[in-house]
Amino acid sequence: MKNIAVMVRNLPFNTRRNSEALRMSVGLTLREDKVTVIFIDDGVYSATQAKPELINVQPSKREFEALSMLKCTLLADKPSLEERGIKNLVPNVKQAGRDEIVRTITGSDIVIPF
C-alpha cells in the first residue's frame, strides 16, 4: 500500500483540472492505496460549498461523497483559507495547519500536483 497525496492548487472555475483531480483521486483508491487530497492556494475554493452550476460548471458533489465514503483524507490548508476569508467547507474536509500539510506531503510515496 502506498500513500498518495493529490494537491489541488488552482481556481476551480476556469478549468476542469480540479474536478479531474477529484475523479482521479477516486480512481486511485481502486488499488487500496491511502489517498489524501490536499486543497492549497486557490485550490481551497474547490473545497467550499460554492454553487458552480450558477456559472455552468459541473459541481463535484459526487466525487466528494465518494472520497468520503472511501475514507480518503481531505485536507484544506488553513493559511490558504484564512488568506481568502473562506469558512464554509464541504463536509468531511478538515482544516489543517501548514505543518500537517507538509508532513502529509513529505510522508507520501507519491505526490500528484494539479
C-alpha atoms as a PDB file:
ATOM      1  CA  MET A   1       0.000   0.000   0.000  1.00  0.00           C
ATOM      2  CA  LYS A   2       1.302   3.438  -0.951  1.00  0.00           C
ATOM      3  CA  ASN A   3       0.496   6.843   0.496  1.00  0.00           C
ATOM      4  CA  ILE A   4      -0.613   9.137  -2.315  1.00  0.00           C
ATOM      5  CA  ALA A   5      -1.140  12.885  -1.932  1.00  0.00           C
ATOM      6  CA  VAL A   6      -3.106  14.757  -4.589  1.00  0.00           C
ATOM      7  CA  MET A   7      -2.586  18.514  -4.389  1.00  0.00           C
ATOM      8  CA  VAL A   8      -5.341  20.749  -5.759  1.00  0.00           C
ATOM      9  CA  ARG A   9      -3.830  24.227  -6.223  1.00  0.00           C
ATOM     10  CA  ASN A  10      -5.796  26.108  -8.884  1.00  0.00           C
ATOM     11  CA  LEU A  11      -9.068  28.011  -9.135  1.00  0.00           C
ATOM     12  CA  PRO A  12     -11.886  25.583  -9.929  1.00  0.00           C
ATOM     13  CA  PHE A  13     -13.930  27.825 -12.215  1.00  0.00           C
ATOM     14  CA  ASN A  14     -11.627  28.388 -15.172  1.00  0.00           C
ATOM     15  CA  THR A  15     -10.618  24.786 -15.801  1.00  0.00           C
ATOM     16  CA  ARG A  16     -11.751  21.187 -15.372  1.00  0.00           C
ATOM     17  CA  ARG A  17      -8.421  20.394 -13.737  1.00  0.00           C
ATOM     18  CA  ASN A  18      -9.737  20.334 -10.154  1.00  0.00           C
ATOM     19  CA  SER A  19     -12.713  18.114 -10.903  1.00  0.00           C
ATOM     20  CA  GLU A  20     -10.374  15.771 -12.797  1.00  0.00           C
ATOM     21  CA  ALA A  21      -8.082  15.695  -9.747  1.00  0.00           C
ATOM     22  CA  LEU A  22     -11.022  14.583  -7.594  1.00  0.00           C
ATOM     23  CA  ARG A  23     -12.144  11.946 -10.112  1.00  0.00           C
ATOM     24  CA  MET A  24      -8.598  10.638 -10.406  1.00  0.00           C
ATOM     25  CA  SER A  25      -8.345  10.502  -6.600  1.00  0.00           C
ATOM     26  CA  VAL A  26     -11.429   8.265  -6.513  1.00  0.00           C
ATOM     27  CA  GLY A  27      -9.801   6.017  -9.120  1.00  0.00           C
ATOM     28  CA  LEU A  28      -6.577   5.800  -7.121  1.00  0.00           C
ATOM     29  CA  THR A  29      -8.458   4.063  -4.316  1.00  0.00           C
ATOM     30  CA  LEU A  30      -9.041   1.004  -6.527  1.00  0.00           C
ATOM     31  CA  ARG A  31      -5.596  -0.341  -5.607  1.00  0.00           C
ATOM     32  CA  GLU A  32      -6.306   0.167  -1.910  1.00  0.00           C
ATOM     33  CA  ASP A  33      -3.684   2.879  -1.622  1.00  0.00           C
ATOM     34  CA  LYS A  34      -4.161   5.549   1.036  1.00  0.00           C
ATOM     35  CA  VAL A  35      -5.237   8.695  -0.801  1.00  0.00           C
ATOM     36  CA  THR A  36      -5.131  12.183   0.700  1.00  0.00           C
ATOM     37  CA  VAL A  37      -6.462  15.175  -1.211  1.00  0.00           C
ATOM     38  CA  ILE A  38      -4.892  18.488  -0.211  1.00  0.00           C
ATOM     39  CA  PHE A  39      -6.552  21.776  -1.157  1.00  0.00           C
ATOM     40  CA  ILE A  40      -3.992  24.574  -1.063  1.00  0.00           C
ATOM     41  CA  ASP A  41      -3.577  28.083  -2.510  1.00  0.00           C
ATOM     42  CA  ASP A  42      -6.526  28.880  -4.819  1.00  0.00           C
ATOM     43  CA  GLY A  43      -7.443  25.178  -4.792  1.00  0.00           C
ATOM     44  CA  VAL A  44      -9.210  25.752  -1.456  1.00  0.00           C
ATOM     45  CA  TYR A  45     -12.103  27.247  -3.439  1.00  0.00           C
ATOM     46  CA  SER A  46     -12.804  23.697  -4.678  1.00  0.00           C
ATOM     47  CA  ALA A  47     -13.469  22.637  -1.083  1.00  0.00           C
ATOM     48  CA  THR A  48     -16.117  25.305  -0.475  1.00  0.00           C
ATOM     49  CA  GLN A  49     -19.854  24.925  -0.675  1.00  0.00           C
ATOM     50  CA  ALA A  50     -19.981  27.266  -3.680  1.00  0.00           C
ATOM     51  CA  LYS A  51     -22.579  26.750  -6.402  1.00  0.00           C
ATOM     52  CA  PRO A  52     -20.522  26.246  -9.582  1.00  0.00           C
ATOM     53  CA  GLU A  53     -23.642  25.298 -11.525  1.00  0.00           C
ATOM     54  CA  LEU A  54     -24.573  29.002 -11.475  1.00  0.00           C
ATOM     55  CA  ILE A  55     -21.765  29.589 -13.974  1.00  0.00           C
ATOM     56  CA  ASN A  56     -22.364  26.352 -15.905  1.00  0.00           C
ATOM     57  CA  VAL A  57     -19.609  24.366 -14.185  1.00  0.00           C
ATOM     58  CA  GLN A  58     -20.417  20.838 -13.093  1.00  0.00           C
ATOM     59  CA  PRO A  59     -20.308  20.524  -9.261  1.00  0.00           C
ATOM     60  CA  SER A  60     -18.001  17.887  -7.753  1.00  0.00           C
ATOM     61  CA  LYS A  61     -20.540  16.702  -5.172  1.00  0.00           C
ATOM     62  CA  ARG A  62     -20.394  13.040  -6.268  1.00  0.00           C
ATOM     63  CA  GLU A  63     -16.608  12.957  -6.091  1.00  0.00           C
ATOM     64  CA  PHE A  64     -16.591  14.440  -2.582  1.00  0.00           C
ATOM     65  CA  GLU A  65     -19.207  11.915  -1.465  1.00  0.00           C
ATOM     66  CA  ALA A  66     -17.250   9.022  -2.981  1.00  0.00           C
ATOM     67  CA  LEU A  67     -13.970  10.159  -1.415  1.00  0.00           C
ATOM     68  CA  SER A  68     -15.648  10.452   1.979  1.00  0.00           C
ATOM     69  CA  MET A  69     -17.270   7.027   1.605  1.00  0.00           C
ATOM     70  CA  LEU A  70     -13.880   5.551   0.654  1.00  0.00           C
ATOM     71  CA  LYS A  71     -12.356   7.050   3.826  1.00  0.00           C
ATOM     72  CA  CYS A  72      -9.953   9.320   1.947  1.00  0.00           C
ATOM     73  CA  THR A  73      -8.493  12.173   3.926  1.00  0.00           C
ATOM     74  CA  LEU A  74      -9.497  15.610   2.642  1.00  0.00           C
ATOM     75  CA  LEU A  75      -7.371  18.490   3.949  1.00  0.00           C
ATOM     76  CA  ALA A  76      -7.682  22.225   3.327  1.00  0.00           C
ATOM     77  CA  ASP A  77      -4.668  24.392   4.072  1.00  0.00           C
ATOM     78  CA  LYS A  78      -5.674  26.708   6.910  1.00  0.00           C
ATOM     79  CA  PRO A  79      -3.418  29.641   5.893  1.00  0.00           C
ATOM     80  CA  SER A  80      -4.858  29.496   2.349  1.00  0.00           C
ATOM     81  CA  LEU A  81      -8.403  29.510   3.765  1.00  0.00           C
ATOM     82  CA  GLU A  82      -7.675  32.434   6.090  1.00  0.00           C
ATOM     83  CA  GLU A  83      -5.973  34.427   3.345  1.00  0.00           C
ATOM     84  CA  ARG A  84      -9.116  34.098   1.198  1.00  0.00           C
ATOM     85  CA  GLY A  85     -11.659  34.501   4.020  1.00  0.00           C
ATOM     86  CA  ILE A  86     -13.159  31.037   3.447  1.00  0.00           C
ATOM     87  CA  LYS A  87     -15.074  29.454   6.314  1.00  0.00           C
ATOM     88  CA  ASN A  88     -17.752  27.243   4.743  1.00  0.00           C
ATOM     89  CA  LEU A  89     -16.178  23.944   3.624  1.00  0.00           C
ATOM     90  CA  VAL A  90     -17.656  20.838   2.064  1.00  0.00           C
ATOM     91  CA  PRO A  91     -18.490  18.234   4.755  1.00  0.00           C
ATOM     92  CA  ASN A  92     -15.567  15.950   5.658  1.00  0.00           C
ATOM     93  CA  VAL A  93     -12.925  18.449   4.513  1.00  0.00           C
ATOM     94  CA  LYS A  94     -10.713  19.176   7.502  1.00  0.00           C
ATOM     95  CA  GLN A  95      -8.778  22.385   8.014  1.00  0.00           C
ATOM     96  CA  ALA A  96      -5.108  21.583   8.511  1.00  0.00           C
ATOM     97  CA  GLY A  97      -2.185  23.742   9.539  1.00  0.00           C
ATOM     98  CA  ARG A  98       0.775  24.143   7.233  1.00  0.00           C
ATOM     99  CA  ASP A  99       2.851  21.763   9.398  1.00  0.00           C
ATOM    100  CA  GLU A 100       0.312  18.962   8.915  1.00  0.00           C
ATOM    101  CA  ILE A 101       0.174  19.642   5.165  1.00  0.00           C
ATOM    102  CA  VAL A 102       3.975  19.472   4.920  1.00  0.00           C
ATOM    103  CA  ARG A 103       4.086  16.250   6.982  1.00  0.00           C
ATOM    104  CA  THR A 104       1.436  14.694   4.740  1.00  0.00           C
ATOM    105  CA  ILE A 105       3.310  15.622   1.567  1.00  0.00           C
ATOM    106  CA  THR A 106       6.737  14.515   2.822  1.00  0.00           C
ATOM    107  CA  GLY A 107       5.266  11.282   4.216  1.00  0.00           C
ATOM    108  CA  SER A 108       3.713  10.376   0.868  1.00  0.00           C
ATOM    109  CA  ASP A 109       5.230   7.885  -1.535  1.00  0.00           C
ATOM    110  CA  ILE A 110       3.641   9.698  -4.492  1.00  0.00           C
ATOM    111  CA  VAL A 111       2.634  13.368  -4.784  1.00  0.00           C
ATOM    112  CA  ILE A 112       0.452  14.391  -7.713  1.00  0.00           C
ATOM    113  CA  PRO A 113       0.135  18.168  -8.186  1.00  0.00           C
ATOM    114  CA  PHE A 114      -2.845  19.618 -10.042  1.00  0.00           C
END
